[in-house]
Amino acid sequence: MAKLKIKKGDKVIVLTGRDKGRTGEVVKALPRENRVVVQGINIVKRHTRASQASNGGIIEKEASIHASNVAHLDPKENKATRIGFKTLEDGRKVRVARRSGEVIDQ
């Protein structure tokens, strides 16, 4: 199983599909399925039955998309970038944007 390089809170851009070119923040990362849920992307409608907790009706929510269909946004240029890893002087391993060399993790 490959390691998922995208984490919750990351800014990503959609590369393929009906939401191609749109950007959003990762709400949830699902590393076992290699999928991510992005805020405002891949909106689906769910027909739900009424229960004591909530009313029934049609609810719109974000569905997960495959991690290969999104790319991390470069913090400097706001364009798609790949992610690399780098060890800092203090020994911390951080994620780095390949496009600009900017450190993603704070």
C-alpha atoms as a PDB file:
ATOM      1  CA  MET A   1       0.000   0.000   0.000  1.00  0.00           C
ATOM      2  CA  ALA A   2       1.467   3.334  -1.070  1.00  0.00           C
ATOM      3  CA  LYS A   3       1.693   6.165   1.451  1.00  0.00           C
ATOM      4  CA  LEU A   4      -0.811   8.963   0.982  1.00  0.00           C
ATOM      5  CA  LYS A   5       1.108  12.258   0.680  1.00  0.00           C
ATOM      6  CA  ILE A   6      -1.987  14.440   0.993  1.00  0.00           C
ATOM      7  CA  LYS A   7      -3.233  15.210   4.494  1.00  0.00           C
ATOM      8  CA  LYS A   8      -6.275  16.816   6.077  1.00  0.00           C
ATOM      9  CA  GLY A   9      -6.136  20.604   5.731  1.00  0.00           C
ATOM     10  CA  ASP A  10      -4.018  20.622   2.551  1.00  0.00           C
ATOM     11  CA  LYS A  11      -5.024  22.847  -0.374  1.00  0.00           C
ATOM     12  CA  VAL A  12      -5.440  20.745  -3.527  1.00  0.00           C
ATOM     13  CA  ILE A  13      -6.481  21.173  -7.163  1.00  0.00           C
ATOM     14  CA  VAL A  14      -8.565  18.605  -9.063  1.00  0.00           C
ATOM     15  CA  LEU A  15      -6.773  17.241 -12.145  1.00  0.00           C
ATOM     16  CA  THR A  16      -9.511  15.156 -13.805  1.00  0.00           C
ATOM     17  CA  GLY A  17     -13.262  14.685 -13.796  1.00  0.00           C
ATOM     18  CA  ARG A  18     -16.201  17.040 -13.786  1.00  0.00           C
ATOM     19  CA  ASP A  19     -14.575  19.306 -11.178  1.00  0.00           C
ATOM     20  CA  LYS A  20     -11.292  19.638 -13.092  1.00  0.00           C
ATOM     21  CA  GLY A  21      -9.427  22.850 -12.274  1.00  0.00           C
ATOM     22  CA  ARG A  22     -11.346  23.566  -9.065  1.00  0.00           C
ATOM     23  CA  THR A  23      -9.510  23.914  -5.783  1.00  0.00           C
ATOM     24  CA  GLY A  24     -10.440  23.115  -2.224  1.00  0.00           C
ATOM     25  CA  GLU A  25      -9.250  22.017   1.172  1.00  0.00           C
ATOM     26  CA  VAL A  26      -8.984  18.351   2.143  1.00  0.00           C
ATOM     27  CA  VAL A  27     -11.659  17.624   4.747  1.00  0.00           C
ATOM     28  CA  LYS A  28     -10.807  13.952   5.220  1.00  0.00           C
ATOM     29  CA  ALA A  29      -8.017  11.661   4.047  1.00  0.00           C
ATOM     30  CA  LEU A  30      -8.722   7.948   3.618  1.00  0.00           C
ATOM     31  CA  PRO A  31      -5.264   6.354   3.257  1.00  0.00           C
ATOM     32  CA  ARG A  32      -6.487   2.742   3.205  1.00  0.00           C
ATOM     33  CA  GLU A  33      -8.714   3.426   0.184  1.00  0.00           C
ATOM     34  CA  ASN A  34      -6.212   5.932  -1.297  1.00  0.00           C
ATOM     35  CA  ARG A  35      -8.976   8.538  -1.475  1.00  0.00           C
ATOM     36  CA  VAL A  36      -9.622  12.060  -0.171  1.00  0.00           C
ATOM     37  CA  VAL A  37     -12.717  14.168   0.525  1.00  0.00           C
ATOM     38  CA  VAL A  38     -12.306  17.763  -0.680  1.00  0.00           C
ATOM     39  CA  GLN A  39     -14.535  20.622   0.489  1.00  0.00           C
ATOM     40  CA  GLY A  40     -16.997  21.671  -2.220  1.00  0.00           C
ATOM     41  CA  ILE A  41     -15.737  19.081  -4.744  1.00  0.00           C
ATOM     42  CA  ASN A  42     -17.569  15.994  -6.084  1.00  0.00           C
ATOM     43  CA  ILE A  43     -20.932  16.978  -4.602  1.00  0.00           C
ATOM     44  CA  VAL A  44     -23.486  14.135  -4.672  1.00  0.00           C
ATOM     45  CA  LYS A  45     -27.130  14.019  -3.640  1.00  0.00           C
ATOM     46  CA  ARG A  46     -28.300  11.471  -1.088  1.00  0.00           C
ATOM     47  CA  HIS A  47     -31.971  10.691  -0.527  1.00  0.00           C
ATOM     48  CA  THR A  48     -32.374  10.092   3.182  1.00  0.00           C
ATOM     49  CA  ARG A  49     -35.283   8.741   5.149  1.00  0.00           C
ATOM     50  CA  ALA A  50     -36.565  10.759   8.099  1.00  0.00           C
ATOM     51  CA  SER A  51     -35.387   9.638  11.531  1.00  0.00           C
ATOM     52  CA  GLN A  52     -35.578  11.001  15.066  1.00  0.00           C
ATOM     53  CA  ALA A  53     -32.225  12.712  14.607  1.00  0.00           C
ATOM     54  CA  SER A  54     -32.895  14.417  11.275  1.00  0.00           C
ATOM     55  CA  ASN A  55     -35.553  15.213   8.724  1.00  0.00           C
ATOM     56  CA  GLY A  56     -35.670  13.260   5.513  1.00  0.00           C
ATOM     57  CA  GLY A  57     -35.024  14.727   2.111  1.00  0.00           C
ATOM     58  CA  ILE A  58     -32.300  15.228  -0.428  1.00  0.00           C
ATOM     59  CA  ILE A  59     -28.960  16.056   1.173  1.00  0.00           C
ATOM     60  CA  GLU A  60     -25.966  17.296  -0.793  1.00  0.00           C
ATOM     61  CA  LYS A  61     -22.553  16.250   0.491  1.00  0.00           C
ATOM     62  CA  GLU A  62     -19.003  15.711  -0.715  1.00  0.00           C
ATOM     63  CA  ALA A  63     -18.051  12.242  -1.906  1.00  0.00           C
ATOM     64  CA  SER A  64     -14.476  10.975  -1.886  1.00  0.00           C
ATOM     65  CA  ILE A  65     -12.266  11.113  -4.965  1.00  0.00           C
ATOM     66  CA  HIS A  66      -9.169   9.098  -5.726  1.00  0.00           C
ATOM     67  CA  ALA A  67      -5.949  10.672  -4.481  1.00  0.00           C
ATOM     68  CA  SER A  68      -4.347  10.381  -7.932  1.00  0.00           C
ATOM     69  CA  ASN A  69      -6.967  12.784  -9.308  1.00  0.00           C
ATOM     70  CA  VAL A  70      -5.862  15.648  -7.065  1.00  0.00           C
ATOM     71  CA  ALA A  71      -2.540  17.481  -6.771  1.00  0.00           C
ATOM     72  CA  HIS A  72      -1.198  19.621  -3.984  1.00  0.00           C
ATOM     73  CA  LEU A  73      -1.266  23.392  -4.579  1.00  0.00           C
ATOM     74  CA  ASP A  74       2.115  25.078  -4.498  1.00  0.00           C
ATOM     75  CA  PRO A  75       2.078  27.677  -1.689  1.00  0.00           C
ATOM     76  CA  LYS A  76       4.088  30.187  -3.784  1.00  0.00           C
ATOM     77  CA  GLU A  77       2.675  29.905  -7.308  1.00  0.00           C
ATOM     78  CA  ASN A  78      -0.819  28.464  -6.620  1.00  0.00           C
ATOM     79  CA  LYS A  79      -0.262  25.762  -9.262  1.00  0.00           C
ATOM     80  CA  ALA A  80      -0.255  21.968  -9.068  1.00  0.00           C
ATOM     81  CA  THR A  81       2.910  20.422  -7.669  1.00  0.00           C
ATOM     82  CA  ARG A  82       4.278  17.076  -6.632  1.00  0.00           C
ATOM     83  CA  ILE A  83       5.409  16.489  -3.079  1.00  0.00           C
ATOM     84  CA  GLY A  84       8.860  15.479  -1.903  1.00  0.00           C
ATOM     85  CA  PHE A  85      10.383  14.961   1.513  1.00  0.00           C
ATOM     86  CA  LYS A  86      13.315  16.724   3.144  1.00  0.00           C
ATOM     87  CA  THR A  87      15.006  16.484   6.530  1.00  0.00           C
ATOM     88  CA  LEU A  88      15.629  19.816   8.243  1.00  0.00           C
ATOM     89  CA  GLU A  89      18.640  20.751  10.373  1.00  0.00           C
ATOM     90  CA  ASP A  90      16.714  20.044  13.576  1.00  0.00           C
ATOM     91  CA  GLY A  91      15.994  16.485  12.367  1.00  0.00           C
ATOM     92  CA  ARG A  92      12.340  16.955  11.398  1.00  0.00           C
ATOM     93  CA  LYS A  93      11.116  15.305   8.194  1.00  0.00           C
ATOM     94  CA  VAL A  94       8.886  17.720   6.272  1.00  0.00           C
ATOM     95  CA  ARG A  95       6.951  17.719   3.014  1.00  0.00           C
ATOM     96  CA  VAL A  96       8.316  20.004   0.279  1.00  0.00           C
ATOM     97  CA  ALA A  97       6.682  21.314  -2.905  1.00  0.00           C
ATOM     98  CA  ARG A  98       8.750  20.089  -5.860  1.00  0.00           C
ATOM     99  CA  ARG A  99       7.793  23.067  -8.045  1.00  0.00           C
ATOM    100  CA  SER A 100       9.122  25.823  -5.752  1.00  0.00           C
ATOM    101  CA  GLY A 101      10.989  24.000  -3.009  1.00  0.00           C
ATOM    102  CA  GLU A 102       8.711  25.603  -0.409  1.00  0.00           C
ATOM    103  CA  VAL A 103       8.150  23.679   2.853  1.00  0.00           C
ATOM    104  CA  ILE A 104       4.504  22.605   3.193  1.00  0.00           C
ATOM    105  CA  ASP A 105       4.543  21.410   6.820  1.00  0.00           C
ATOM    106  CA  GLN A 106       5.066  24.045   9.454  1.00  0.00           C
END
